């Protein structure tokens, strides 16, 4: 089951261009890779972490979609704050 069905690659790429911080950038990059067919197991190997961490990242991406995917560029703090709250 793809947890990111509701988000397009274009939305994720826009969010990636707007986001600040290492963790949010990694999560969005992983989400884009997932949308392009990279498995969670492969992502875990790339990032050197457990698959469940990647699963959590992808889940956090959809939970915070209103905060980071839909937000205007001048409101970057929405994703940063939402991400910080989920750590």
PDB file of N, CA and C in Angstrom:
ATOM      1  N   UNK A   1       0.841  -1.175   0.000  1.00  0.00           N
ATOM      2  CA  UNK A   1       0.000   0.000   0.000  1.00  0.00           C
ATOM      3  C   UNK A   1       0.888   1.241   0.000  1.00  0.00           C
ATOM      4  N   UNK A   2       0.623   2.122  -0.912  1.00  0.00           N
ATOM      5  CA  UNK A   2       1.414   3.351  -1.006  1.00  0.00           C
ATOM      6  C   UNK A   2       0.770   4.429  -0.148  1.00  0.00           C
ATOM      7  N   UNK A   3       1.472   4.844   0.867  1.00  0.00           N
ATOM      8  CA  UNK A   3       0.946   5.842   1.785  1.00  0.00           C
ATOM      9  C   UNK A   3       0.909   7.231   1.182  1.00  0.00           C
ATOM     10  N   UNK A   4       1.548   7.412   0.056  1.00  0.00           N
ATOM     11  CA  UNK A   4       1.638   8.742  -0.537  1.00  0.00           C
ATOM     12  C   UNK A   4       0.709   8.910  -1.732  1.00  0.00           C
ATOM     13  N   UNK A   5      -0.307   8.077  -1.844  1.00  0.00           N
ATOM     14  CA  UNK A   5      -1.223   8.154  -2.982  1.00  0.00           C
ATOM     15  C   UNK A   5      -1.861   9.532  -3.140  1.00  0.00           C
ATOM     16  N   UNK A   6      -2.089  10.203  -2.046  1.00  0.00           N
ATOM     17  CA  UNK A   6      -2.773  11.498  -2.082  1.00  0.00           C
ATOM     18  C   UNK A   6      -1.885  12.639  -2.576  1.00  0.00           C
ATOM     19  N   UNK A   7      -0.584  12.420  -2.618  1.00  0.00           N
ATOM     20  CA  UNK A   7       0.354  13.471  -2.996  1.00  0.00           C
ATOM     21  C   UNK A   7       1.008  13.154  -4.326  1.00  0.00           C
ATOM     22  N   UNK A   8       1.150  14.169  -5.163  1.00  0.00           N
ATOM     23  CA  UNK A   8       1.849  13.975  -6.435  1.00  0.00           C
ATOM     24  C   UNK A   8       3.342  14.242  -6.251  1.00  0.00           C
ATOM     25  N   UNK A   9       4.124  13.745  -7.182  1.00  0.00           N
ATOM     26  CA  UNK A   9       5.561  14.009  -7.158  1.00  0.00           C
ATOM     27  C   UNK A   9       5.804  15.508  -7.273  1.00  0.00           C
ATOM     28  N   UNK A  10       4.996  16.178  -8.091  1.00  0.00           N
ATOM     29  CA  UNK A  10       5.149  17.622  -8.262  1.00  0.00           C
ATOM     30  C   UNK A  10       4.922  18.373  -6.952  1.00  0.00           C
ATOM     31  N   UNK A  11       3.916  17.956  -6.175  1.00  0.00           N
ATOM     32  CA  UNK A  11       3.671  18.587  -4.874  1.00  0.00           C
ATOM     33  C   UNK A  11       4.849  18.362  -3.929  1.00  0.00           C
ATOM     34  N   UNK A  12       5.367  17.153  -3.934  1.00  0.00           N
ATOM     35  CA  UNK A  12       6.507  16.842  -3.077  1.00  0.00           C
ATOM     36  C   UNK A  12       7.745  17.624  -3.500  1.00  0.00           C
ATOM     37  N   UNK A  13       7.954  17.777  -4.800  1.00  0.00           N
ATOM     38  CA  UNK A  13       9.104  18.538  -5.285  1.00  0.00           C
ATOM     39  C   UNK A  13       8.973  20.014  -4.928  1.00  0.00           C
ATOM     40  N   UNK A  14       7.759  20.560  -5.032  1.00  0.00           N
ATOM     41  CA  UNK A  14       7.541  21.962  -4.614  1.00  0.00           C
ATOM     42  C   UNK A  14       7.849  22.112  -3.132  1.00  0.00           C
ATOM     43  N   UNK A  15       7.383  21.167  -2.330  1.00  0.00           N
ATOM     44  CA  UNK A  15       7.633  21.220  -0.893  1.00  0.00           C
ATOM     45  C   UNK A  15       9.129  21.116  -0.612  1.00  0.00           C
ATOM     46  N   UNK A  16       9.827  20.275  -1.366  1.00  0.00           N
ATOM     47  CA  UNK A  16      11.272  20.122  -1.189  1.00  0.00           C
ATOM     48  C   UNK A  16      11.993  21.435  -1.477  1.00  0.00           C
ATOM     49  N   UNK A  17      11.534  22.161  -2.470  1.00  0.00           N
ATOM     50  CA  UNK A  17      12.133  23.460  -2.797  1.00  0.00           C
ATOM     51  C   UNK A  17      11.897  24.495  -1.706  1.00  0.00           C
ATOM     52  N   UNK A  18      10.850  24.301  -0.919  1.00  0.00           N
ATOM     53  CA  UNK A  18      10.462  25.286   0.087  1.00  0.00           C
ATOM     54  C   UNK A  18      10.931  24.948   1.500  1.00  0.00           C
ATOM     55  N   UNK A  19      11.274  23.716   1.730  1.00  0.00           N
ATOM     56  CA  UNK A  19      11.548  23.258   3.092  1.00  0.00           C
ATOM     57  C   UNK A  19      12.951  23.661   3.542  1.00  0.00           C
ATOM     58  N   UNK A  20      13.096  23.794   4.841  1.00  0.00           N
ATOM     59  CA  UNK A  20      14.394  24.075   5.444  1.00  0.00           C
ATOM     60  C   UNK A  20      14.679  22.988   6.475  1.00  0.00           C
ATOM     61  N   UNK A  21      15.925  22.644   6.612  1.00  0.00           N
ATOM     62  CA  UNK A  21      16.315  21.650   7.610  1.00  0.00           C
ATOM     63  C   UNK A  21      16.645  20.315   6.989  1.00  0.00           C
ATOM     64  N   UNK A  22      17.560  19.609   7.629  1.00  0.00           N
ATOM     65  CA  UNK A  22      18.045  18.340   7.117  1.00  0.00           C
ATOM     66  C   UNK A  22      16.985  17.240   7.147  1.00  0.00           C
ATOM     67  N   UNK A  23      16.334  17.042   8.283  1.00  0.00           N
ATOM     68  CA  UNK A  23      15.357  15.957   8.413  1.00  0.00           C
ATOM     69  C   UNK A  23      14.184  16.137   7.456  1.00  0.00           C
ATOM     70  N   UNK A  24      13.562  17.311   7.402  1.00  0.00           N
ATOM     71  CA  UNK A  24      12.454  17.478   6.455  1.00  0.00           C
ATOM     72  C   UNK A  24      12.898  17.253   5.009  1.00  0.00           C
ATOM     73  N   UNK A  25      14.111  17.682   4.682  1.00  0.00           N
ATOM     74  CA  UNK A  25      14.644  17.474   3.333  1.00  0.00           C
ATOM     75  C   UNK A  25      14.809  15.984   3.058  1.00  0.00           C
ATOM     76  N   UNK A  26      15.362  15.251   4.016  1.00  0.00           N
ATOM     77  CA  UNK A  26      15.538  13.806   3.841  1.00  0.00           C
ATOM     78  C   UNK A  26      14.186  13.106   3.685  1.00  0.00           C
ATOM     79  N   UNK A  27      13.222  13.493   4.496  1.00  0.00           N
ATOM     80  CA  UNK A  27      11.897  12.862   4.417  1.00  0.00           C
ATOM     81  C   UNK A  27      11.249  13.101   3.069  1.00  0.00           C
ATOM     82  N   UNK A  28      11.324  14.330   2.596  1.00  0.00           N
ATOM     83  CA  UNK A  28      10.715  14.630   1.298  1.00  0.00           C
ATOM     84  C   UNK A  28      11.462  13.944   0.160  1.00  0.00           C
ATOM     85  N   UNK A  29      12.768  13.877   0.242  1.00  0.00           N
ATOM     86  CA  UNK A  29      13.555  13.174  -0.776  1.00  0.00           C
ATOM     87  C   UNK A  29      13.183  11.692  -0.784  1.00  0.00           C
ATOM     88  N   UNK A  30      13.032  11.109   0.387  1.00  0.00           N
ATOM     89  CA  UNK A  30      12.615   9.703   0.485  1.00  0.00           C
ATOM     90  C   UNK A  30      11.211   9.514  -0.082  1.00  0.00           C
ATOM     91  N   UNK A  31      10.318  10.458   0.173  1.00  0.00           N
ATOM     92  CA  UNK A  31       8.952  10.369  -0.340  1.00  0.00           C
ATOM     93  C   UNK A  31       8.943  10.438  -1.871  1.00  0.00           C
ATOM     94  N   UNK A  32       9.760  11.310  -2.436  1.00  0.00           N
ATOM     95  CA  UNK A  32       9.847  11.418  -3.895  1.00  0.00           C
ATOM     96  C   UNK A  32      10.402  10.116  -4.478  1.00  0.00           C
ATOM     97  N   UNK A  33      11.430   9.570  -3.857  1.00  0.00           N
ATOM     98  CA  UNK A  33      11.999   8.299  -4.321  1.00  0.00           C
ATOM     99  C   UNK A  33      10.957   7.188  -4.237  1.00  0.00           C
ATOM    100  N   UNK A  34      10.189   7.155  -3.144  1.00  0.00           N
ATOM    101  CA  UNK A  34       9.131   6.167  -2.972  1.00  0.00           C
ATOM    102  C   UNK A  34       8.108   6.282  -4.099  1.00  0.00           C
ATOM    103  N   UNK A  35       7.716   7.506  -4.414  1.00  0.00           N
ATOM    104  CA  UNK A  35       6.749   7.733  -5.492  1.00  0.00           C
ATOM    105  C   UNK A  35       7.307   7.289  -6.842  1.00  0.00           C
ATOM    106  N   UNK A  36       8.623   7.292  -6.972  1.00  0.00           N
ATOM    107  CA  UNK A  36       9.260   6.886  -8.220  1.00  0.00           C
ATOM    108  C   UNK A  36       9.631   5.403  -8.237  1.00  0.00           C
ATOM    109  N   UNK A  37       9.123   4.646  -7.265  1.00  0.00           N
ATOM    110  CA  UNK A  37       9.272   3.198  -7.293  1.00  0.00           C
ATOM    111  C   UNK A  37      10.380   2.600  -6.454  1.00  0.00           C
ATOM    112  N   UNK A  38      11.115   3.421  -5.716  1.00  0.00           N
ATOM    113  CA  UNK A  38      12.149   2.891  -4.826  1.00  0.00           C
ATOM    114  C   UNK A  38      11.438   2.293  -3.610  1.00  0.00           C
ATOM    115  N   UNK A  39      11.795   1.077  -3.234  1.00  0.00           N
ATOM    116  CA  UNK A  39      11.127   0.431  -2.104  1.00  0.00           C
ATOM    117  C   UNK A  39      11.606   1.016  -0.776  1.00  0.00           C
ATOM    118  N   UNK A  40      10.806   0.801   0.241  1.00  0.00           N
ATOM    119  CA  UNK A  40      11.191   1.257   1.574  1.00  0.00           C
ATOM    120  C   UNK A  40      12.437   0.527   2.054  1.00  0.00           C
ATOM    121  N   UNK A  41      12.589  -0.712   1.668  1.00  0.00           N
ATOM    122  CA  UNK A  41      13.789  -1.470   2.025  1.00  0.00           C
ATOM    123  C   UNK A  41      15.017  -0.840   1.374  1.00  0.00           C
ATOM    124  N   UNK A  42      14.907  -0.483   0.092  1.00  0.00           N
ATOM    125  CA  UNK A  42      16.022   0.170  -0.596  1.00  0.00           C
ATOM    126  C   UNK A  42      16.343   1.522   0.035  1.00  0.00           C
ATOM    127  N   UNK A  43      15.309   2.292   0.369  1.00  0.00           N
ATOM    128  CA  UNK A  43      15.527   3.590   1.012  1.00  0.00           C
ATOM    129  C   UNK A  43      16.246   3.418   2.345  1.00  0.00           C
ATOM    130  N   UNK A  44      15.852   2.418   3.105  1.00  0.00           N
ATOM    131  CA  UNK A  44      16.501   2.156   4.393  1.00  0.00           C
ATOM    132  C   UNK A  44      17.983   1.851   4.194  1.00  0.00           C
ATOM    133  N   UNK A  45      18.299   1.088   3.161  1.00  0.00           N
ATOM    134  CA  UNK A  45      19.701   0.796   2.868  1.00  0.00           C
ATOM    135  C   UNK A  45      20.449   2.061   2.469  1.00  0.00           C
ATOM    136  N   UNK A  46      19.836   2.898   1.632  1.00  0.00           N
ATOM    137  CA  UNK A  46      20.462   4.148   1.195  1.00  0.00           C
ATOM    138  C   UNK A  46      20.792   5.045   2.372  1.00  0.00           C
ATOM    139  N   UNK A  47      19.826   5.168   3.302  1.00  0.00           N
ATOM    140  CA  UNK A  47      19.990   6.073   4.435  1.00  0.00           C
ATOM    141  C   UNK A  47      20.676   5.416   5.633  1.00  0.00           C
ATOM    142  N   UNK A  48      20.898   4.113   5.556  1.00  0.00           N
ATOM    143  CA  UNK A  48      21.562   3.408   6.651  1.00  0.00           C
ATOM    144  C   UNK A  48      20.715   3.345   7.905  1.00  0.00           C
ATOM    145  N   UNK A  49      19.433   3.099   7.729  1.00  0.00           N
ATOM    146  CA  UNK A  49      18.525   3.003   8.873  1.00  0.00           C
ATOM    147  C   UNK A  49      17.544   1.871   8.659  1.00  0.00           C
ATOM    148  N   UNK A  50      16.736   1.626   9.667  1.00  0.00           N
ATOM    149  CA  UNK A  50      15.769   0.539   9.584  1.00  0.00           C
ATOM    150  C   UNK A  50      14.593   0.925   8.695  1.00  0.00           C
ATOM    151  N   UNK A  51      13.994  -0.094   8.091  1.00  0.00           N
ATOM    152  CA  UNK A  51      12.857   0.127   7.214  1.00  0.00           C
ATOM    153  C   UNK A  51      11.700   0.823   7.950  1.00  0.00           C
ATOM    154  N   UNK A  52      11.505   0.491   9.198  1.00  0.00           N
ATOM    155  CA  UNK A  52      10.398   1.108   9.937  1.00  0.00           C
ATOM    156  C   UNK A  52      10.609   2.616  10.118  1.00  0.00           C
ATOM    157  N   UNK A  53      11.862   3.062  10.122  1.00  0.00           N
ATOM    158  CA  UNK A  53      12.134   4.497  10.183  1.00  0.00           C
ATOM    159  C   UNK A  53      11.671   5.163   8.896  1.00  0.00           C
ATOM    160  N   UNK A  54      11.952   4.532   7.760  1.00  0.00           N
ATOM    161  CA  UNK A  54      11.494   5.056   6.474  1.00  0.00           C
ATOM    162  C   UNK A  54       9.970   5.078   6.436  1.00  0.00           C
ATOM    163  N   UNK A  55       9.344   4.012   6.890  1.00  0.00           N
ATOM    164  CA  UNK A  55       7.887   3.947   6.959  1.00  0.00           C
ATOM    165  C   UNK A  55       7.354   5.131   7.764  1.00  0.00           C
ATOM    166  N   UNK A  56       7.987   5.390   8.899  1.00  0.00           N
ATOM    167  CA  UNK A  56       7.585   6.502   9.752  1.00  0.00           C
ATOM    168  C   UNK A  56       7.753   7.831   9.029  1.00  0.00           C
ATOM    169  N   UNK A  57       8.866   8.001   8.322  1.00  0.00           N
ATOM    170  CA  UNK A  57       9.099   9.231   7.559  1.00  0.00           C
ATOM    171  C   UNK A  57       7.994   9.447   6.539  1.00  0.00           C
ATOM    172  N   UNK A  58       7.648   8.384   5.802  1.00  0.00           N
ATOM    173  CA  UNK A  58       6.620   8.510   4.771  1.00  0.00           C
ATOM    174  C   UNK A  58       5.263   8.810   5.393  1.00  0.00           C
ATOM    175  N   UNK A  59       4.989   8.174   6.526  1.00  0.00           N
ATOM    176  CA  UNK A  59       3.738   8.440   7.231  1.00  0.00           C
ATOM    177  C   UNK A  59       3.696   9.891   7.704  1.00  0.00           C
ATOM    178  N   UNK A  60       4.800  10.394   8.233  1.00  0.00           N
ATOM    179  CA  UNK A  60       4.860  11.787   8.678  1.00  0.00           C
ATOM    180  C   UNK A  60       4.677  12.751   7.515  1.00  0.00           C
ATOM    181  N   UNK A  61       5.151  12.357   6.343  1.00  0.00           N
ATOM    182  CA  UNK A  61       4.993  13.209   5.169  1.00  0.00           C
ATOM    183  C   UNK A  61       3.520  13.380   4.835  1.00  0.00           C
ATOM    184  N   UNK A  62       2.725  12.295   4.895  1.00  0.00           N
ATOM    185  CA  UNK A  62       1.314  12.460   4.578  1.00  0.00           C
ATOM    186  C   UNK A  62       0.549  13.118   5.712  1.00  0.00           C
ATOM    187  N   UNK A  63       0.945  12.880   6.945  1.00  0.00           N
ATOM    188  CA  UNK A  63       0.269  13.528   8.072  1.00  0.00           C
ATOM    189  C   UNK A  63       0.456  15.038   7.981  1.00  0.00           C
ATOM    190  N   UNK A  64       1.641  15.492   7.616  1.00  0.00           N
ATOM    191  CA  UNK A  64       1.934  16.916   7.554  1.00  0.00           C
ATOM    192  C   UNK A  64       1.694  17.554   6.209  1.00  0.00           C
ATOM    193  N   UNK A  65       0.972  16.867   5.311  1.00  0.00           N
ATOM    194  CA  UNK A  65       0.849  17.377   3.952  1.00  0.00           C
ATOM    195  C   UNK A  65       0.244  18.768   3.885  1.00  0.00           C
ATOM    196  N   UNK A  66      -0.725  19.087   4.719  1.00  0.00           N
ATOM    197  CA  UNK A  66      -1.306  20.420   4.683  1.00  0.00           C
ATOM    198  C   UNK A  66      -0.284  21.472   5.094  1.00  0.00           C
ATOM    199  N   UNK A  67       0.624  21.089   5.982  1.00  0.00           N
ATOM    200  CA  UNK A  67       1.609  22.025   6.499  1.00  0.00           C
ATOM    201  C   UNK A  67       2.745  22.303   5.535  1.00  0.00           C
ATOM    202  N   UNK A  68       3.186  21.299   4.774  1.00  0.00           N
ATOM    203  CA  UNK A  68       4.361  21.548   3.952  1.00  0.00           C
ATOM    204  C   UNK A  68       4.111  21.474   2.459  1.00  0.00           C
ATOM    205  N   UNK A  69       3.149  20.722   2.017  1.00  0.00           N
ATOM    206  CA  UNK A  69       2.937  20.608   0.581  1.00  0.00           C
ATOM    207  C   UNK A  69       2.082  21.750   0.071  1.00  0.00           C
ATOM    208  N   UNK A  70       1.101  22.157   0.846  1.00  0.00           N
ATOM    209  CA  UNK A  70       0.190  23.189   0.383  1.00  0.00           C
ATOM    210  C   UNK A  70       0.582  24.604   0.778  1.00  0.00           C
ATOM    211  N   UNK A  71       1.575  24.724   1.652  1.00  0.00           N
ATOM    212  CA  UNK A  71       1.909  26.049   2.156  1.00  0.00           C
ATOM    213  C   UNK A  71       2.634  26.883   1.111  1.00  0.00           C
ATOM    214  N   UNK A  72       2.387  28.193   1.099  1.00  0.00           N
ATOM    215  CA  UNK A  72       3.105  29.072   0.174  1.00  0.00           C
ATOM    216  C   UNK A  72       4.571  29.170   0.567  1.00  0.00           C
ATOM    217  N   UNK A  73       5.416  29.536  -0.385  1.00  0.00           N
ATOM    218  CA  UNK A  73       6.859  29.582  -0.150  1.00  0.00           C
ATOM    219  C   UNK A  73       7.219  30.553   0.975  1.00  0.00           C
ATOM    220  N   UNK A  74       6.468  31.623   1.128  1.00  0.00           N
ATOM    221  CA  UNK A  74       6.802  32.596   2.160  1.00  0.00           C
ATOM    222  C   UNK A  74       6.398  32.128   3.555  1.00  0.00           C
ATOM    223  N   UNK A  75       5.845  30.934   3.668  1.00  0.00           N
ATOM    224  CA  UNK A  75       5.458  30.394   4.974  1.00  0.00           C
ATOM    225  C   UNK A  75       6.205  29.091   5.225  1.00  0.00           C
ATOM    226  N   UNK A  76       7.508  29.120   5.077  1.00  0.00           N
ATOM    227  CA  UNK A  76       8.333  27.920   5.231  1.00  0.00           C
ATOM    228  C   UNK A  76       8.284  27.343   6.628  1.00  0.00           C
ATOM    229  N   UNK A  77       8.051  28.152   7.613  1.00  0.00           N
ATOM    230  CA  UNK A  77       8.105  27.672   8.984  1.00  0.00           C
ATOM    231  C   UNK A  77       7.042  26.632   9.280  1.00  0.00           C
ATOM    232  N   UNK A  78       5.973  26.556   8.501  1.00  0.00           N
ATOM    233  CA  UNK A  78       4.921  25.573   8.755  1.00  0.00           C
ATOM    234  C   UNK A  78       5.476  24.162   8.762  1.00  0.00           C
ATOM    235  N   UNK A  79       6.233  23.804   7.725  1.00  0.00           N
ATOM    236  CA  UNK A  79       6.775  22.451   7.657  1.00  0.00           C
ATOM    237  C   UNK A  79       7.843  22.246   8.710  1.00  0.00           C
ATOM    238  N   UNK A  80       8.691  23.224   8.900  1.00  0.00           N
ATOM    239  CA  UNK A  80       9.747  23.091   9.891  1.00  0.00           C
ATOM    240  C   UNK A  80       9.154  22.873  11.273  1.00  0.00           C
ATOM    241  N   UNK A  81       8.127  23.650  11.628  1.00  0.00           N
ATOM    242  CA  UNK A  81       7.495  23.511  12.937  1.00  0.00           C
ATOM    243  C   UNK A  81       6.757  22.189  13.053  1.00  0.00           C
ATOM    244  N   UNK A  82       6.043  21.792  12.003  1.00  0.00           N
ATOM    245  CA  UNK A  82       5.323  20.525  12.042  1.00  0.00           C
ATOM    246  C   UNK A  82       6.289  19.363  12.170  1.00  0.00           C
ATOM    247  N   UNK A  83       7.401  19.459  11.472  1.00  0.00           N
ATOM    248  CA  UNK A  83       8.399  18.394  11.546  1.00  0.00           C
ATOM    249  C   UNK A  83       9.015  18.332  12.933  1.00  0.00           C
ATOM    250  N   UNK A  84       9.329  19.470  13.494  1.00  0.00           N
ATOM    251  CA  UNK A  84       9.941  19.490  14.826  1.00  0.00           C
ATOM    252  C   UNK A  84       8.993  18.901  15.870  1.00  0.00           C
ATOM    253  N   UNK A  85       7.702  19.109  15.685  1.00  0.00           N
ATOM    254  CA  UNK A  85       6.733  18.614  16.644  1.00  0.00           C
ATOM    255  C   UNK A  85       6.597  17.099  16.578  1.00  0.00           C
ATOM    256  N   UNK A  86       6.982  16.496  15.454  1.00  0.00           N
ATOM    257  CA  UNK A  86       6.826  15.043  15.315  1.00  0.00           C
ATOM    258  C   UNK A  86       8.084  14.279  15.673  1.00  0.00           C
ATOM    259  N   UNK A  87       9.173  14.951  16.039  1.00  0.00           N
ATOM    260  CA  UNK A  87      10.428  14.250  16.391  1.00  0.00           C
ATOM    261  C   UNK A  87      10.286  13.543  17.705  1.00  0.00           C
TER     262      UNK A  87
END
